[in-house]
Amino acid sequence: GDDARVADTATELKMWLRRALEDNPELSAELLKLVHE
């Protein structure tokens, strides 16, 4: 029931994805496809 850890992991993943998209904006199409799927 550690909701804070869940939120921390979500933030960590968001930052990881942001770095990937900043470095390679062309990845946005693939991420969008995965999100929808």
PDB file of all heavy atoms in Angstrom:
ATOM      1  N   GLY A   1       0.802  -1.218   0.000  1.00  0.00           N
ATOM      2  CA  GLY A   1       0.000   0.000   0.000  1.00  0.00           C
ATOM      3  C   GLY A   1       0.837   1.270   0.000  1.00  0.00           C
ATOM      4  O   GLY A   1       0.377   2.334   0.417  1.00  0.00           O
ATOM      5  N   ASP A   2       2.069   1.189  -0.484  1.00  0.00           N
ATOM      6  CA  ASP A   2       2.984   2.335  -0.503  1.00  0.00           C
ATOM      7  C   ASP A   2       2.738   3.178  -1.758  1.00  0.00           C
ATOM      8  O   ASP A   2       3.435   3.064  -2.760  1.00  0.00           O
ATOM      9  CB  ASP A   2       4.424   1.834  -0.453  1.00  0.00           C
ATOM     10  CG  ASP A   2       5.448   2.949  -0.341  1.00  0.00           C
ATOM     11  OD1 ASP A   2       5.066   4.140  -0.359  1.00  0.00           O
ATOM     12  OD2 ASP A   2       6.647   2.634  -0.237  1.00  0.00           O
ATOM     13  N   ASP A   3       1.720   4.046  -1.695  1.00  0.00           N
ATOM     14  CA  ASP A   3       1.362   4.886  -2.840  1.00  0.00           C
ATOM     15  C   ASP A   3       2.472   5.859  -3.216  1.00  0.00           C
ATOM     16  O   ASP A   3       2.615   6.222  -4.388  1.00  0.00           O
ATOM     17  CB  ASP A   3       0.077   5.659  -2.553  1.00  0.00           C
ATOM     18  CG  ASP A   3      -1.126   4.743  -2.438  1.00  0.00           C
ATOM     19  OD1 ASP A   3      -1.087   3.627  -2.997  1.00  0.00           O
ATOM     20  OD2 ASP A   3      -2.106   5.132  -1.785  1.00  0.00           O
ATOM     21  N   ALA A   4       3.267   6.277  -2.245  1.00  0.00           N
ATOM     22  CA  ALA A   4       4.364   7.211  -2.530  1.00  0.00           C
ATOM     23  C   ALA A   4       5.394   6.568  -3.451  1.00  0.00           C
ATOM     24  O   ALA A   4       5.915   7.213  -4.365  1.00  0.00           O
ATOM     25  CB  ALA A   4       5.027   7.674  -1.238  1.00  0.00           C
ATOM     26  N   ARG A   5       5.687   5.298  -3.244  1.00  0.00           N
ATOM     27  CA  ARG A   5       6.658   4.592  -4.095  1.00  0.00           C
ATOM     28  C   ARG A   5       6.118   4.463  -5.516  1.00  0.00           C
ATOM     29  O   ARG A   5       6.849   4.582  -6.486  1.00  0.00           O
ATOM     30  CB  ARG A   5       6.975   3.212  -3.517  1.00  0.00           C
ATOM     31  CG  ARG A   5       7.970   2.420  -4.301  1.00  0.00           C
ATOM     32  CD  ARG A   5       9.351   3.070  -4.254  1.00  0.00           C
ATOM     33  NE  ARG A   5       9.925   3.003  -5.579  1.00  0.00           N
ATOM     34  CZ  ARG A   5      10.850   3.811  -6.061  1.00  0.00           C
ATOM     35  NH1 ARG A   5      11.329   4.773  -5.322  1.00  0.00           N
ATOM     36  NH2 ARG A   5      11.301   3.678  -7.262  1.00  0.00           N
ATOM     37  N   VAL A   6       4.835   4.214  -5.649  1.00  0.00           N
ATOM     38  CA  VAL A   6       4.216   4.130  -6.974  1.00  0.00           C
ATOM     39  C   VAL A   6       4.363   5.476  -7.691  1.00  0.00           C
ATOM     40  O   VAL A   6       4.750   5.539  -8.858  1.00  0.00           O
ATOM     41  CB  VAL A   6       2.734   3.703  -6.877  1.00  0.00           C
ATOM     42  CG1 VAL A   6       2.055   3.778  -8.231  1.00  0.00           C
ATOM     43  CG2 VAL A   6       2.624   2.294  -6.292  1.00  0.00           C
ATOM     44  N   ALA A   7       4.081   6.560  -6.975  1.00  0.00           N
ATOM     45  CA  ALA A   7       4.199   7.903  -7.559  1.00  0.00           C
ATOM     46  C   ALA A   7       5.651   8.209  -7.928  1.00  0.00           C
ATOM     47  O   ALA A   7       5.918   8.795  -8.983  1.00  0.00           O
ATOM     48  CB  ALA A   7       3.659   8.946  -6.598  1.00  0.00           C
ATOM     49  N   ASP A   8       6.596   7.802  -7.079  1.00  0.00           N
ATOM     50  CA  ASP A   8       8.014   8.022  -7.370  1.00  0.00           C
ATOM     51  C   ASP A   8       8.441   7.275  -8.639  1.00  0.00           C
ATOM     52  O   ASP A   8       9.177   7.811  -9.462  1.00  0.00           O
ATOM     53  CB  ASP A   8       8.891   7.559  -6.203  1.00  0.00           C
ATOM     54  CG  ASP A   8       8.777   8.470  -4.988  1.00  0.00           C
ATOM     55  OD1 ASP A   8       8.208   9.576  -5.111  1.00  0.00           O
ATOM     56  OD2 ASP A   8       9.250   8.052  -3.912  1.00  0.00           O
ATOM     57  N   THR A   9       7.965   6.056  -8.787  1.00  0.00           N
ATOM     58  CA  THR A   9       8.311   5.277  -9.970  1.00  0.00           C
ATOM     59  C   THR A   9       7.708   5.902 -11.221  1.00  0.00           C
ATOM     60  O   THR A   9       8.352   5.964 -12.266  1.00  0.00           O
ATOM     61  CB  THR A   9       7.855   3.816  -9.814  1.00  0.00           C
ATOM     62  OG1 THR A   9       8.500   3.273  -8.658  1.00  0.00           O
ATOM     63  CG2 THR A   9       8.211   2.983 -11.031  1.00  0.00           C
ATOM     64  N   ALA A  10       6.487   6.388 -11.121  1.00  0.00           N
ATOM     65  CA  ALA A  10       5.853   7.064 -12.256  1.00  0.00           C
ATOM     66  C   ALA A  10       6.657   8.293 -12.662  1.00  0.00           C
ATOM     67  O   ALA A  10       6.877   8.542 -13.850  1.00  0.00           O
ATOM     68  CB  ALA A  10       4.417   7.448 -11.922  1.00  0.00           C
ATOM     69  N   THR A  11       7.126   9.045 -11.687  1.00  0.00           N
ATOM     70  CA  THR A  11       7.940  10.228 -11.974  1.00  0.00           C
ATOM     71  C   THR A  11       9.269   9.829 -12.615  1.00  0.00           C
ATOM     72  O   THR A  11       9.719  10.461 -13.578  1.00  0.00           O
ATOM     73  CB  THR A  11       8.197  11.029 -10.682  1.00  0.00           C
ATOM     74  OG1 THR A  11       6.934  11.445 -10.155  1.00  0.00           O
ATOM     75  CG2 THR A  11       9.075  12.236 -10.927  1.00  0.00           C
ATOM     76  N   GLU A  12       9.879   8.775 -12.102  1.00  0.00           N
ATOM     77  CA  GLU A  12      11.140   8.283 -12.661  1.00  0.00           C
ATOM     78  C   GLU A  12      10.955   7.845 -14.120  1.00  0.00           C
ATOM     79  O   GLU A  12      11.771   8.183 -14.993  1.00  0.00           O
ATOM     80  CB  GLU A  12      11.632   7.116 -11.802  1.00  0.00           C
ATOM     81  CG  GLU A  12      13.010   6.618 -12.140  1.00  0.00           C
ATOM     82  CD  GLU A  12      13.469   5.514 -11.195  1.00  0.00           C
ATOM     83  OE1 GLU A  12      12.805   5.216 -10.188  1.00  0.00           O
ATOM     84  OE2 GLU A  12      14.523   4.938 -11.506  1.00  0.00           O
ATOM     85  N   LEU A  13       9.879   7.138 -14.389  1.00  0.00           N
ATOM     86  CA  LEU A  13       9.599   6.713 -15.762  1.00  0.00           C
ATOM     87  C   LEU A  13       9.317   7.903 -16.677  1.00  0.00           C
ATOM     88  O   LEU A  13       9.762   7.941 -17.826  1.00  0.00           O
ATOM     89  CB  LEU A  13       8.413   5.753 -15.785  1.00  0.00           C
ATOM     90  CG  LEU A  13       8.716   4.323 -15.346  1.00  0.00           C
ATOM     91  CD1 LEU A  13       7.432   3.565 -15.084  1.00  0.00           C
ATOM     92  CD2 LEU A  13       9.559   3.620 -16.399  1.00  0.00           C
ATOM     93  N   LYS A  14       8.590   8.875 -16.162  1.00  0.00           N
ATOM     94  CA  LYS A  14       8.294  10.070 -16.955  1.00  0.00           C
ATOM     95  C   LYS A  14       9.586  10.784 -17.346  1.00  0.00           C
ATOM     96  O   LYS A  14       9.758  11.181 -18.504  1.00  0.00           O
ATOM     97  CB  LYS A  14       7.389  11.008 -16.160  1.00  0.00           C
ATOM     98  CG  LYS A  14       7.064  12.291 -16.886  1.00  0.00           C
ATOM     99  CD  LYS A  14       6.181  13.176 -16.035  1.00  0.00           C
ATOM    100  CE  LYS A  14       5.985  14.529 -16.662  1.00  0.00           C
ATOM    101  NZ  LYS A  14       5.173  15.418 -15.807  1.00  0.00           N
ATOM    102  N   MET A  15      10.508  10.925 -16.398  1.00  0.00           N
ATOM    103  CA  MET A  15      11.777  11.595 -16.700  1.00  0.00           C
ATOM    104  C   MET A  15      12.600  10.784 -17.704  1.00  0.00           C
ATOM    105  O   MET A  15      13.241  11.347 -18.595  1.00  0.00           O
ATOM    106  CB  MET A  15      12.567  11.833 -15.412  1.00  0.00           C
ATOM    107  CG  MET A  15      11.877  12.795 -14.445  1.00  0.00           C
ATOM    108  SD  MET A  15      11.375  14.370 -15.206  1.00  0.00           S
ATOM    109  CE  MET A  15      12.952  15.039 -15.681  1.00  0.00           C
ATOM    110  N   TRP A  16      12.590   9.485 -17.559  1.00  0.00           N
ATOM    111  CA  TRP A  16      13.310   8.609 -18.489  1.00  0.00           C
ATOM    112  C   TRP A  16      12.745   8.771 -19.900  1.00  0.00           C
ATOM    113  O   TRP A  16      13.487   8.934 -20.869  1.00  0.00           O
ATOM    114  CB  TRP A  16      13.196   7.183 -17.993  1.00  0.00           C
ATOM    115  CG  TRP A  16      14.042   6.163 -18.690  1.00  0.00           C
ATOM    116  CD1 TRP A  16      14.951   6.360 -19.699  1.00  0.00           C
ATOM    117  CD2 TRP A  16      14.051   4.767 -18.429  1.00  0.00           C
ATOM    118  NE1 TRP A  16      15.516   5.170 -20.076  1.00  0.00           N
ATOM    119  CE2 TRP A  16      14.987   4.174 -19.310  1.00  0.00           C
ATOM    120  CE3 TRP A  16      13.361   3.949 -17.546  1.00  0.00           C
ATOM    121  CZ2 TRP A  16      15.242   2.802 -19.326  1.00  0.00           C
ATOM    122  CZ3 TRP A  16      13.634   2.591 -17.566  1.00  0.00           C
ATOM    123  CH2 TRP A  16      14.563   2.026 -18.433  1.00  0.00           C
ATOM    124  N   LEU A  17      11.429   8.756 -20.008  1.00  0.00           N
ATOM    125  CA  LEU A  17      10.795   8.942 -21.314  1.00  0.00           C
ATOM    126  C   LEU A  17      11.064  10.337 -21.878  1.00  0.00           C
ATOM    127  O   LEU A  17      11.307  10.491 -23.080  1.00  0.00           O
ATOM    128  CB  LEU A  17       9.289   8.689 -21.213  1.00  0.00           C
ATOM    129  CG  LEU A  17       8.887   7.224 -21.073  1.00  0.00           C
ATOM    130  CD1 LEU A  17       7.429   7.105 -20.649  1.00  0.00           C
ATOM    131  CD2 LEU A  17       9.130   6.486 -22.384  1.00  0.00           C
ATOM    132  N   ARG A  18      11.021  11.343 -21.030  1.00  0.00           N
ATOM    133  CA  ARG A  18      11.303  12.709 -21.502  1.00  0.00           C
ATOM    134  C   ARG A  18      12.708  12.801 -22.071  1.00  0.00           C
ATOM    135  O   ARG A  18      12.928  13.394 -23.128  1.00  0.00           O
ATOM    136  CB  ARG A  18      11.128  13.722 -20.364  1.00  0.00           C
ATOM    137  CG  ARG A  18       9.689  14.039 -20.070  1.00  0.00           C
ATOM    138  CD  ARG A  18       9.555  15.078 -19.006  1.00  0.00           C
ATOM    139  NE  ARG A  18      10.088  16.354 -19.485  1.00  0.00           N
ATOM    140  CZ  ARG A  18      10.044  17.480 -18.788  1.00  0.00           C
ATOM    141  NH1 ARG A  18       9.485  17.483 -17.589  1.00  0.00           N
ATOM    142  NH2 ARG A  18      10.533  18.584 -19.263  1.00  0.00           N
ATOM    143  N   ARG A  19      13.687  12.203 -21.365  1.00  0.00           N
ATOM    144  CA  ARG A  19      15.061  12.224 -21.882  1.00  0.00           C
ATOM    145  C   ARG A  19      15.149  11.510 -23.229  1.00  0.00           C
ATOM    146  O   ARG A  19      15.810  11.993 -24.154  1.00  0.00           O
ATOM    147  CB  ARG A  19      16.022  11.591 -20.873  1.00  0.00           C
ATOM    148  CG  ARG A  19      16.386  12.490 -19.721  1.00  0.00           C
ATOM    149  CD  ARG A  19      17.532  11.925 -18.899  1.00  0.00           C
ATOM    150  NE  ARG A  19      17.255  10.614 -18.347  1.00  0.00           N
ATOM    151  CZ  ARG A  19      16.601  10.384 -17.212  1.00  0.00           C
ATOM    152  NH1 ARG A  19      16.147  11.393 -16.502  1.00  0.00           N
ATOM    153  NH2 ARG A  19      16.405   9.151 -16.791  1.00  0.00           N
ATOM    154  N   ALA A  20      14.486  10.372 -23.331  1.00  0.00           N
ATOM    155  CA  ALA A  20      14.513   9.628 -24.598  1.00  0.00           C
ATOM    156  C   ALA A  20      13.901  10.458 -25.723  1.00  0.00           C
ATOM    157  O   ALA A  20      14.441  10.509 -26.833  1.00  0.00           O
ATOM    158  CB  ALA A  20      13.769   8.301 -24.443  1.00  0.00           C
ATOM    159  N   LEU A  21      12.786  11.133 -25.442  1.00  0.00           N
ATOM    160  CA  LEU A  21      12.129  11.955 -26.471  1.00  0.00           C
ATOM    161  C   LEU A  21      12.923  13.215 -26.792  1.00  0.00           C
ATOM    162  O   LEU A  21      12.931  13.658 -27.946  1.00  0.00           O
ATOM    163  CB  LEU A  21      10.707  12.311 -26.030  1.00  0.00           C
ATOM    164  CG  LEU A  21       9.730  11.133 -25.932  1.00  0.00           C
ATOM    165  CD1 LEU A  21       8.419  11.590 -25.316  1.00  0.00           C
ATOM    166  CD2 LEU A  21       9.510  10.493 -27.295  1.00  0.00           C
ATOM    167  N   GLU A  22      13.565  13.800 -25.792  1.00  0.00           N
ATOM    168  CA  GLU A  22      14.406  14.980 -26.050  1.00  0.00           C
ATOM    169  C   GLU A  22      15.586  14.607 -26.935  1.00  0.00           C
ATOM    170  O   GLU A  22      15.941  15.350 -27.855  1.00  0.00           O
ATOM    171  CB  GLU A  22      14.909  15.575 -24.736  1.00  0.00           C
ATOM    172  CG  GLU A  22      13.862  16.320 -23.964  1.00  0.00           C
ATOM    173  CD  GLU A  22      14.329  16.726 -22.574  1.00  0.00           C
ATOM    174  OE1 GLU A  22      15.369  16.216 -22.087  1.00  0.00           O
ATOM    175  OE2 GLU A  22      13.645  17.569 -21.962  1.00  0.00           O
ATOM    176  N   ASP A  23      16.203  13.451 -26.650  1.00  0.00           N
ATOM    177  CA  ASP A  23      17.363  13.015 -27.425  1.00  0.00           C
ATOM    178  C   ASP A  23      16.976  12.541 -28.821  1.00  0.00           C
ATOM    179  O   ASP A  23      17.743  12.683 -29.760  1.00  0.00           O
ATOM    180  CB  ASP A  23      18.099  11.875 -26.704  1.00  0.00           C
ATOM    181  CG  ASP A  23      18.754  12.333 -25.405  1.00  0.00           C
ATOM    182  OD1 ASP A  23      18.890  13.568 -25.201  1.00  0.00           O
ATOM    183  OD2 ASP A  23      19.103  11.459 -24.589  1.00  0.00           O
ATOM    184  N   ASN A  24      15.779  11.942 -28.931  1.00  0.00           N
ATOM    185  CA  ASN A  24      15.331  11.368 -30.194  1.00  0.00           C
ATOM    186  C   ASN A  24      13.840  11.658 -30.399  1.00  0.00           C
ATOM    187  O   ASN A  24      13.001  10.783 -30.171  1.00  0.00           O
ATOM    188  CB  ASN A  24      15.551   9.850 -30.213  1.00  0.00           C
ATOM    189  CG  ASN A  24      16.999   9.478 -30.066  1.00  0.00           C
ATOM    190  OD1 ASN A  24      17.821   9.864 -30.881  1.00  0.00           O
ATOM    191  ND2 ASN A  24      17.310   8.733 -29.024  1.00  0.00           N
ATOM    192  N   PRO A  25      13.483  12.876 -30.822  1.00  0.00           N
ATOM    193  CA  PRO A  25      12.064  13.216 -30.999  1.00  0.00           C
ATOM    194  C   PRO A  25      11.319  12.276 -31.941  1.00  0.00           C
ATOM    195  O   PRO A  25      10.112  12.112 -31.826  1.00  0.00           O
ATOM    196  CB  PRO A  25      12.098  14.640 -31.558  1.00  0.00           C
ATOM    197  CG  PRO A  25      13.418  15.184 -31.142  1.00  0.00           C
ATOM    198  CD  PRO A  25      14.356  14.006 -31.112  1.00  0.00           C
ATOM    199  N   GLU A  26      12.045  11.610 -32.829  1.00  0.00           N
ATOM    200  CA  GLU A  26      11.389  10.685 -33.747  1.00  0.00           C
ATOM    201  C   GLU A  26      10.807   9.464 -33.031  1.00  0.00           C
ATOM    202  O   GLU A  26       9.973   8.746 -33.585  1.00  0.00           O
ATOM    203  CB  GLU A  26      12.345  10.240 -34.861  1.00  0.00           C
ATOM    204  CG  GLU A  26      13.526   9.419 -34.398  1.00  0.00           C
ATOM    205  CD  GLU A  26      14.707  10.216 -33.858  1.00  0.00           C
ATOM    206  OE1 GLU A  26      14.640  11.453 -33.803  1.00  0.00           O
ATOM    207  OE2 GLU A  26      15.707   9.588 -33.471  1.00  0.00           O
ATOM    208  N   LEU A  27      11.201   9.240 -31.771  1.00  0.00           N
ATOM    209  CA  LEU A  27      10.638   8.138 -30.990  1.00  0.00           C
ATOM    210  C   LEU A  27       9.194   8.403 -30.559  1.00  0.00           C
ATOM    211  O   LEU A  27       8.498   7.485 -30.125  1.00  0.00           O
ATOM    212  CB  LEU A  27      11.480   7.878 -29.736  1.00  0.00           C
ATOM    213  CG  LEU A  27      12.896   7.360 -29.944  1.00  0.00           C
ATOM    214  CD1 LEU A  27      13.614   7.258 -28.613  1.00  0.00           C
ATOM    215  CD2 LEU A  27      12.871   6.026 -30.658  1.00  0.00           C
ATOM    216  N   SER A  28       8.741   9.650 -30.677  1.00  0.00           N
ATOM    217  CA  SER A  28       7.395   9.984 -30.214  1.00  0.00           C
ATOM    218  C   SER A  28       6.326   9.183 -30.951  1.00  0.00           C
ATOM    219  O   SER A  28       5.331   8.781 -30.355  1.00  0.00           O
ATOM    220  CB  SER A  28       7.131  11.485 -30.323  1.00  0.00           C
ATOM    221  OG  SER A  28       7.186  11.905 -31.663  1.00  0.00           O
ATOM    222  N   ALA A  29       6.524   8.921 -32.228  1.00  0.00           N
ATOM    223  CA  ALA A  29       5.535   8.139 -32.982  1.00  0.00           C
ATOM    224  C   ALA A  29       5.431   6.722 -32.428  1.00  0.00           C
ATOM    225  O   ALA A  29       4.329   6.186 -32.269  1.00  0.00           O
ATOM    226  CB  ALA A  29       5.894   8.109 -34.462  1.00  0.00           C
ATOM    227  N   GLU A  30       6.564   6.116 -32.107  1.00  0.00           N
ATOM    228  CA  GLU A  30       6.543   4.756 -31.553  1.00  0.00           C
ATOM    229  C   GLU A  30       5.943   4.744 -30.154  1.00  0.00           C
ATOM    230  O   GLU A  30       5.152   3.863 -29.823  1.00  0.00           O
ATOM    231  CB  GLU A  30       7.960   4.171 -31.521  1.00  0.00           C
ATOM    232  CG  GLU A  30       8.042   2.772 -30.929  1.00  0.00           C
ATOM    233  CD  GLU A  30       7.284   1.706 -31.715  1.00  0.00           C
ATOM    234  OE1 GLU A  30       6.977   1.913 -32.898  1.00  0.00           O
ATOM    235  OE2 GLU A  30       7.004   0.647 -31.126  1.00  0.00           O
ATOM    236  N   LEU A  31       6.282   5.733 -29.329  1.00  0.00           N
ATOM    237  CA  LEU A  31       5.707   5.788 -27.978  1.00  0.00           C
ATOM    238  C   LEU A  31       4.204   6.009 -28.053  1.00  0.00           C
ATOM    239  O   LEU A  31       3.441   5.368 -27.323  1.00  0.00           O
ATOM    240  CB  LEU A  31       6.377   6.874 -27.140  1.00  0.00           C
ATOM    241  CG  LEU A  31       5.851   7.014 -25.711  1.00  0.00           C
ATOM    242  CD1 LEU A  31       5.940   5.696 -24.944  1.00  0.00           C
ATOM    243  CD2 LEU A  31       6.599   8.117 -24.983  1.00  0.00           C
ATOM    244  N   LEU A  32       3.766   6.884 -28.926  1.00  0.00           N
ATOM    245  CA  LEU A  32       2.332   7.125 -29.090  1.00  0.00           C
ATOM    246  C   LEU A  32       1.622   5.837 -29.511  1.00  0.00           C
ATOM    247  O   LEU A  32       0.558   5.493 -28.985  1.00  0.00           O
ATOM    248  CB  LEU A  32       2.089   8.226 -30.118  1.00  0.00           C
ATOM    249  CG  LEU A  32       0.647   8.646 -30.330  1.00  0.00           C
ATOM    250  CD1 LEU A  32       0.029   9.189 -29.048  1.00  0.00           C
ATOM    251  CD2 LEU A  32       0.572   9.700 -31.429  1.00  0.00           C
ATOM    252  N   LYS A  33       2.223   5.097 -30.409  1.00  0.00           N
ATOM    253  CA  LYS A  33       1.666   3.820 -30.847  1.00  0.00           C
ATOM    254  C   LYS A  33       1.564   2.841 -29.672  1.00  0.00           C
ATOM    255  O   LYS A  33       0.537   2.180 -29.488  1.00  0.00           O
ATOM    256  CB  LYS A  33       2.546   3.239 -31.956  1.00  0.00           C
ATOM    257  CG  LYS A  33       2.088   1.915 -32.497  1.00  0.00           C
ATOM    258  CD  LYS A  33       3.042   1.442 -33.584  1.00  0.00           C
ATOM    259  CE  LYS A  33       2.707   0.046 -34.037  1.00  0.00           C
ATOM    260  NZ  LYS A  33       3.682  -0.456 -35.008  1.00  0.00           N
ATOM    261  N   LEU A  34       2.614   2.757 -28.856  1.00  0.00           N
ATOM    262  CA  LEU A  34       2.601   1.857 -27.705  1.00  0.00           C
ATOM    263  C   LEU A  34       1.563   2.280 -26.674  1.00  0.00           C
ATOM    264  O   LEU A  34       0.865   1.433 -26.106  1.00  0.00           O
ATOM    265  CB  LEU A  34       3.991   1.802 -27.056  1.00  0.00           C
ATOM    266  CG  LEU A  34       5.074   1.085 -27.845  1.00  0.00           C
ATOM    267  CD1 LEU A  34       6.432   1.282 -27.192  1.00  0.00           C
ATOM    268  CD2 LEU A  34       4.755  -0.392 -27.995  1.00  0.00           C
ATOM    269  N   VAL A  35       1.454   3.578 -26.428  1.00  0.00           N
ATOM    270  CA  VAL A  35       0.463   4.081 -25.465  1.00  0.00           C
ATOM    271  C   VAL A  35      -0.943   3.699 -25.923  1.00  0.00           C
ATOM    272  O   VAL A  35      -1.747   3.199 -25.144  1.00  0.00           O
ATOM    273  CB  VAL A  35       0.595   5.606 -25.272  1.00  0.00           C
ATOM    274  CG1 VAL A  35      -0.617   6.182 -24.562  1.00  0.00           C
ATOM    275  CG2 VAL A  35       1.865   5.929 -24.499  1.00  0.00           C
ATOM    276  N   HIS A  36      -1.235   3.917 -27.185  1.00  0.00           N
ATOM    277  CA  HIS A  36      -2.566   3.583 -27.705  1.00  0.00           C
ATOM    278  C   HIS A  36      -2.819   2.074 -27.656  1.00  0.00           C
ATOM    279  O   HIS A  36      -3.931   1.637 -27.372  1.00  0.00           O
ATOM    280  CB  HIS A  36      -2.749   4.091 -29.134  1.00  0.00           C
ATOM    281  CG  HIS A  36      -3.032   5.547 -29.207  1.00  0.00           C
ATOM    282  ND1 HIS A  36      -4.199   6.102 -28.746  1.00  0.00           N
ATOM    283  CD2 HIS A  36      -2.281   6.575 -29.672  1.00  0.00           C
ATOM    284  CE1 HIS A  36      -4.158   7.405 -28.928  1.00  0.00           C
ATOM    285  NE2 HIS A  36      -3.013   7.729 -29.481  1.00  0.00           N
ATOM    286  N   GLU A  37      -1.800   1.299 -27.922  1.00  0.00           N
ATOM    287  CA  GLU A  37      -1.957  -0.150 -27.945  1.00  0.00           C
ATOM    288  C   GLU A  37      -2.148  -0.748 -26.550  1.00  0.00           C
ATOM    289  O   GLU A  37      -2.940  -1.668 -26.369  1.00  0.00           O
ATOM    290  CB  GLU A  37      -0.728  -0.786 -28.601  1.00  0.00           C
ATOM    291  CG  GLU A  37      -0.833  -2.272 -28.777  1.00  0.00           C
ATOM    292  CD  GLU A  37       0.349  -2.840 -29.552  1.00  0.00           C
ATOM    293  OE1 GLU A  37       0.999  -2.091 -30.312  1.00  0.00           O
ATOM    294  OE2 GLU A  37       0.612  -4.040 -29.381  1.00  0.00           O
TER     295      GLU A  37
END
